[in-house]
Amino acid sequence: MDILSVRNSILHDCCLLKDHLRKEHIKEIWEFERRTPEQSLVLSYILSVESFTVLVNGELPCFMFGVVPDPDGNGLAWALGSDALDRVYIQFIKRTKYYAQHLLTHFPMIYNYVPADYKAGVNWVKYFGARIYDKQPLGHNGELYHRWELRR
């Protein structure tokens, strides 16, 4: 059985993960930010107050997440991962609420947007207790996204 572990991110994690992101995450990065996976991972890592890396069997980074301060004093949460996360998905889900609450220790609210057609992403943010808003066009080509928020 594969074992999940979580640790503070290091810059090298971005290099290891950039070529293995889920196709949904690559699509979202391009539609919303017009960046490459590497650019998005590195920028998110550098700007984060805190970021974490999920590892499979202590060595393979399969997911990175963190929170970046916004100008209003809230936190813009981010999360990018690979299909290797599926190997430890149940373990990951069990820890999700803890880490979502942990990121809230830095801000009164964390938020982001999830593509309306990415059902796994929508279900994930619902699972850890986020409020989901109606979808609206936000991407460069009018792609539909749900805003989500999690408050203390």
Protein backbone atom coordinates (compact mmCIF):
# COMPACT_ATOMS: atom_id res chain seq x y z
CA MET A 1 0.00 0.00 0.00
CA ASP A 2 1.22 3.48 -0.87
CA ILE A 3 1.73 5.88 2.02
CA LEU A 4 0.98 9.60 1.99
CA SER A 5 3.11 12.13 3.80
CA VAL A 6 2.90 15.92 3.89
CA ARG A 7 5.77 18.35 4.50
CA ASN A 8 6.61 21.98 3.93
CA SER A 9 7.29 22.62 0.26
CA ILE A 10 10.72 23.30 -1.16
CA LEU A 11 11.42 24.96 -4.50
CA HIS A 12 12.68 21.71 -6.01
CA ASP A 13 9.16 20.23 -5.59
CA CYS A 14 7.99 22.61 -8.34
CA CYS A 15 10.59 21.14 -10.71
CA LEU A 16 9.56 17.58 -9.89
CA LEU A 17 5.84 18.23 -10.28
CA LYS A 18 5.69 20.63 -13.26
CA ASP A 19 5.77 17.96 -15.97
CA HIS A 20 3.21 15.71 -14.28
CA LEU A 21 0.26 17.97 -13.49
CA ARG A 22 -3.27 16.71 -14.12
CA LYS A 23 -4.61 17.78 -17.49
CA GLU A 24 -7.41 19.67 -15.69
CA HIS A 25 -4.84 21.70 -13.76
CA ILE A 26 -2.79 22.49 -16.88
CA LYS A 27 -5.97 23.63 -18.64
CA GLU A 28 -7.00 25.78 -15.67
CA ILE A 29 -3.55 27.41 -15.39
CA TRP A 30 -3.62 28.37 -19.06
CA GLU A 31 -7.26 29.50 -19.17
CA PHE A 32 -7.07 31.59 -16.03
CA GLU A 33 -3.45 32.77 -15.82
CA ARG A 34 -1.88 32.24 -19.26
CA ARG A 35 1.14 30.65 -17.54
CA THR A 36 3.02 27.40 -17.90
CA PRO A 37 2.79 24.79 -15.12
CA GLU A 38 6.33 25.66 -14.01
CA GLN A 39 5.60 29.39 -13.88
CA SER A 40 2.42 28.83 -11.90
CA LEU A 41 3.99 26.43 -9.40
CA VAL A 42 7.09 28.57 -8.79
CA LEU A 43 5.16 31.83 -8.50
CA SER A 44 2.62 30.26 -6.13
CA TYR A 45 5.40 28.76 -4.03
CA ILE A 46 7.40 32.01 -3.82
CA LEU A 47 4.40 34.19 -2.94
CA SER A 48 2.91 31.80 -0.37
CA VAL A 49 2.80 32.50 3.34
CA GLU A 50 2.94 28.73 3.73
CA SER A 51 2.89 25.84 1.27
CA PHE A 52 2.89 22.08 1.54
CA THR A 53 3.82 19.14 -0.65
CA VAL A 54 2.05 15.79 -0.58
CA LEU A 55 4.39 12.87 -1.20
CA VAL A 56 3.73 9.27 -2.17
CA ASN A 57 5.96 6.89 -0.21
CA GLY A 58 8.05 9.80 1.03
CA GLU A 59 9.64 10.61 -2.30
CA LEU A 60 7.24 11.35 -5.16
CA PRO A 61 5.61 14.82 -4.98
CA CYS A 62 2.05 14.42 -6.23
CA PHE A 63 0.38 17.61 -4.99
CA MET A 64 1.33 21.08 -3.78
CA PHE A 65 -0.91 23.61 -2.09
CA GLY A 66 -0.63 26.83 -0.16
CA VAL A 67 -2.01 30.29 0.41
CA VAL A 68 -0.95 33.71 -0.91
CA PRO A 69 -1.98 36.98 0.78
CA ASP A 70 -4.28 39.21 -1.25
CA PRO A 71 -4.52 43.03 -0.99
CA ASP A 72 -7.66 42.78 1.20
CA GLY A 73 -5.98 40.72 3.92
CA ASN A 74 -7.50 37.40 2.84
CA GLY A 75 -5.74 34.35 1.47
CA LEU A 76 -5.80 33.18 -2.12
CA ALA A 77 -5.49 29.42 -1.82
CA TRP A 78 -3.91 27.34 -4.57
CA ALA A 79 -3.54 23.62 -5.24
CA LEU A 80 -1.93 21.78 -8.14
CA GLY A 81 -1.33 18.07 -8.48
CA SER A 82 -0.64 15.03 -10.59
CA ASP A 83 -2.58 11.82 -11.21
CA ALA A 84 -0.24 10.11 -8.72
CA LEU A 85 -2.46 11.66 -6.03
CA ASP A 86 -4.99 8.95 -6.91
CA ARG A 87 -2.65 6.41 -5.28
CA VAL A 88 -3.18 8.04 -1.86
CA TYR A 89 -6.52 9.73 -2.44
CA ILE A 90 -8.38 8.34 0.59
CA GLN A 91 -5.50 9.28 2.91
CA PHE A 92 -5.40 12.72 1.29
CA ILE A 93 -9.13 13.35 1.71
CA LYS A 94 -8.93 12.44 5.40
CA ARG A 95 -6.33 15.20 5.94
CA THR A 96 -7.93 17.86 3.76
CA LYS A 97 -10.07 19.47 6.45
CA TYR A 98 -7.10 19.76 8.81
CA TYR A 99 -4.94 21.58 6.26
CA ALA A 100 -7.79 23.83 5.08
CA GLN A 101 -8.33 24.90 8.70
CA HIS A 102 -4.58 25.28 9.20
CA LEU A 103 -4.32 27.70 6.26
CA LEU A 104 -7.13 29.72 7.83
CA THR A 105 -4.89 30.48 10.83
CA HIS A 106 -3.17 33.07 8.61
CA PHE A 107 -6.31 34.78 7.27
CA PRO A 108 -9.97 35.36 8.16
CA MET A 109 -10.95 33.85 4.81
CA ILE A 110 -9.32 31.78 2.07
CA TYR A 111 -10.78 31.53 -1.41
CA ASN A 112 -10.18 30.75 -5.05
CA TYR A 113 -12.03 29.66 -8.16
CA VAL A 114 -12.58 26.15 -9.48
CA PRO A 115 -13.57 25.33 -13.06
CA ALA A 116 -17.27 24.51 -13.18
CA ASP A 117 -16.60 21.47 -15.38
CA TYR A 118 -13.95 20.01 -13.03
CA LYS A 119 -16.30 17.95 -10.86
CA ALA A 120 -13.54 16.42 -8.70
CA GLY A 121 -12.29 19.91 -7.82
CA VAL A 122 -15.78 21.20 -7.04
CA ASN A 123 -16.49 18.17 -4.83
CA TRP A 124 -13.14 18.54 -3.05
CA VAL A 125 -13.73 22.14 -1.97
CA LYS A 126 -17.26 21.21 -0.86
CA TYR A 127 -15.81 18.36 1.21
CA PHE A 128 -13.58 20.61 3.29
CA GLY A 129 -16.50 22.94 3.99
CA ALA A 130 -16.10 25.74 1.48
CA ARG A 131 -19.06 27.78 0.34
CA ILE A 132 -19.53 27.45 -3.43
CA TYR A 133 -21.01 30.30 -5.46
CA ASP A 134 -22.85 30.10 -8.77
CA LYS A 135 -20.64 29.66 -11.79
CA GLN A 136 -19.63 32.72 -13.76
CA PRO A 137 -17.45 33.40 -16.81
CA LEU A 138 -13.92 34.30 -15.69
CA GLY A 139 -11.34 32.69 -17.92
CA HIS A 140 -9.66 34.42 -20.85
CA ASN A 141 -12.17 32.75 -23.16
CA GLY A 142 -15.18 33.07 -20.86
CA GLU A 143 -14.74 29.68 -19.19
CA LEU A 144 -17.07 29.10 -16.27
CA TYR A 145 -15.73 29.04 -12.71
CA HIS A 146 -17.24 28.73 -9.23
CA ARG A 147 -15.82 31.01 -6.57
CA TRP A 148 -15.36 29.22 -3.26
CA GLU A 149 -14.70 30.64 0.19
CA LEU A 150 -13.79 29.17 3.54
CA ARG A 151 -14.03 31.35 6.62
CA ARG A 152 -12.86 30.92 10.21
